[in-house]
Amino acid sequence: MKVTTRWERPKLVHAIATCHNCEWGEQNHLFAVEEARKHVRKTGHIVDVETGYAQTYNPKRRNNQ
């Protein structure tokens, strides 16, 4: 059975940024990665960013069944 995907790339569904050196953090997945980069450039702190991606797979149907 062939399998297709709903999106070509996995879709980002969550991202959480946390600074090791201060209490800064960002939990909005739309901004967390970029805001973490900005925080590191501005402060020189160490920041972890946890990201989660989702991918939906569907069986490819024959003869439109």
C-alpha atoms as a PDB file:
ATOM      1  CA  MET A   1       0.000   0.000   0.000  1.00  0.00           C
ATOM      2  CA  LYS A   2       1.309   3.427  -0.915  1.00  0.00           C
ATOM      3  CA  VAL A   3       1.152   6.205   1.633  1.00  0.00           C
ATOM      4  CA  THR A   4       0.778   9.923   1.021  1.00  0.00           C
ATOM      5  CA  THR A   5       1.324  12.834   3.381  1.00  0.00           C
ATOM      6  CA  ARG A   6      -1.042  15.650   4.102  1.00  0.00           C
ATOM      7  CA  TRP A   7       1.756  18.254   3.960  1.00  0.00           C
ATOM      8  CA  GLU A   8       5.070  18.031   2.149  1.00  0.00           C
ATOM      9  CA  ARG A   9       6.985  18.983   5.286  1.00  0.00           C
ATOM     10  CA  PRO A  10       6.226  18.252   8.916  1.00  0.00           C
ATOM     11  CA  LYS A  11       4.235  21.079  10.488  1.00  0.00           C
ATOM     12  CA  LEU A  12       5.535  22.900  13.592  1.00  0.00           C
ATOM     13  CA  VAL A  13       2.974  22.366  16.358  1.00  0.00           C
ATOM     14  CA  HIS A  14       4.839  23.595  19.428  1.00  0.00           C
ATOM     15  CA  ALA A  15       8.021  25.392  20.422  1.00  0.00           C
ATOM     16  CA  ILE A  16       9.177  26.413  23.870  1.00  0.00           C
ATOM     17  CA  ALA A  17      12.270  28.542  24.521  1.00  0.00           C
ATOM     18  CA  THR A  18      13.881  28.689  27.972  1.00  0.00           C
ATOM     19  CA  CYS A  19      16.940  30.679  29.061  1.00  0.00           C
ATOM     20  CA  HIS A  20      19.490  29.006  31.358  1.00  0.00           C
ATOM     21  CA  ASN A  21      20.788  32.297  32.736  1.00  0.00           C
ATOM     22  CA  CYS A  22      17.666  34.293  33.508  1.00  0.00           C
ATOM     23  CA  GLU A  23      13.921  33.804  33.734  1.00  0.00           C
ATOM     24  CA  TRP A  24      13.283  34.688  30.081  1.00  0.00           C
ATOM     25  CA  GLY A  25      11.148  32.291  28.078  1.00  0.00           C
ATOM     26  CA  GLU A  26       8.776  32.151  25.097  1.00  0.00           C
ATOM     27  CA  GLN A  27       6.003  29.604  24.582  1.00  0.00           C
ATOM     28  CA  ASN A  28       4.299  30.905  21.441  1.00  0.00           C
ATOM     29  CA  HIS A  29       5.320  28.434  18.711  1.00  0.00           C
ATOM     30  CA  LEU A  30       5.058  31.145  16.053  1.00  0.00           C
ATOM     31  CA  PHE A  31       7.771  33.272  17.700  1.00  0.00           C
ATOM     32  CA  ALA A  32       9.818  31.075  20.063  1.00  0.00           C
ATOM     33  CA  VAL A  33      12.679  30.149  17.719  1.00  0.00           C
ATOM     34  CA  GLU A  34      13.299  33.673  16.409  1.00  0.00           C
ATOM     35  CA  GLU A  35      12.848  35.292  19.829  1.00  0.00           C
ATOM     36  CA  ALA A  36      15.363  32.827  21.290  1.00  0.00           C
ATOM     37  CA  ARG A  37      17.919  33.875  18.662  1.00  0.00           C
ATOM     38  CA  LYS A  38      17.296  37.527  19.488  1.00  0.00           C
ATOM     39  CA  HIS A  39      17.697  36.874  23.220  1.00  0.00           C
ATOM     40  CA  VAL A  40      21.021  35.067  22.682  1.00  0.00           C
ATOM     41  CA  ARG A  41      22.368  37.865  20.446  1.00  0.00           C
ATOM     42  CA  LYS A  42      21.293  40.549  22.913  1.00  0.00           C
ATOM     43  CA  THR A  43      22.432  38.886  26.151  1.00  0.00           C
ATOM     44  CA  GLY A  44      24.902  36.115  25.268  1.00  0.00           C
ATOM     45  CA  HIS A  45      22.864  33.717  27.415  1.00  0.00           C
ATOM     46  CA  ILE A  46      22.335  30.014  26.717  1.00  0.00           C
ATOM     47  CA  VAL A  47      18.803  29.265  25.477  1.00  0.00           C
ATOM     48  CA  ASP A  48      17.191  25.877  24.842  1.00  0.00           C
ATOM     49  CA  VAL A  49      14.396  25.637  22.276  1.00  0.00           C
ATOM     50  CA  GLU A  50      12.223  22.520  22.284  1.00  0.00           C
ATOM     51  CA  THR A  51      10.301  22.050  19.043  1.00  0.00           C
ATOM     52  CA  GLY A  52       7.650  19.553  18.059  1.00  0.00           C
ATOM     53  CA  TYR A  53       6.515  18.727  14.553  1.00  0.00           C
ATOM     54  CA  ALA A  54       3.535  16.725  13.279  1.00  0.00           C
ATOM     55  CA  GLN A  55       3.077  14.859  10.017  1.00  0.00           C
ATOM     56  CA  THR A  56      -0.184  13.256   8.876  1.00  0.00           C
ATOM     57  CA  TYR A  57       0.043  10.155   6.714  1.00  0.00           C
ATOM     58  CA  ASN A  58      -2.847   8.805   4.638  1.00  0.00           C
ATOM     59  CA  PRO A  59      -3.120   5.601   2.652  1.00  0.00           C
ATOM     60  CA  LYS A  60      -3.205   6.302  -1.073  1.00  0.00           C
ATOM     61  CA  ARG A  61      -6.486   4.886  -2.352  1.00  0.00           C
ATOM     62  CA  ARG A  62      -6.902   3.099  -5.651  1.00  0.00           C
ATOM     63  CA  ASN A  63      -9.773   3.869  -8.001  1.00  0.00           C
ATOM     64  CA  ASN A  64     -11.085   6.615  -5.677  1.00  0.00           C
ATOM     65  CA  GLN A  65     -12.292   4.068  -3.089  1.00  0.00           C
END
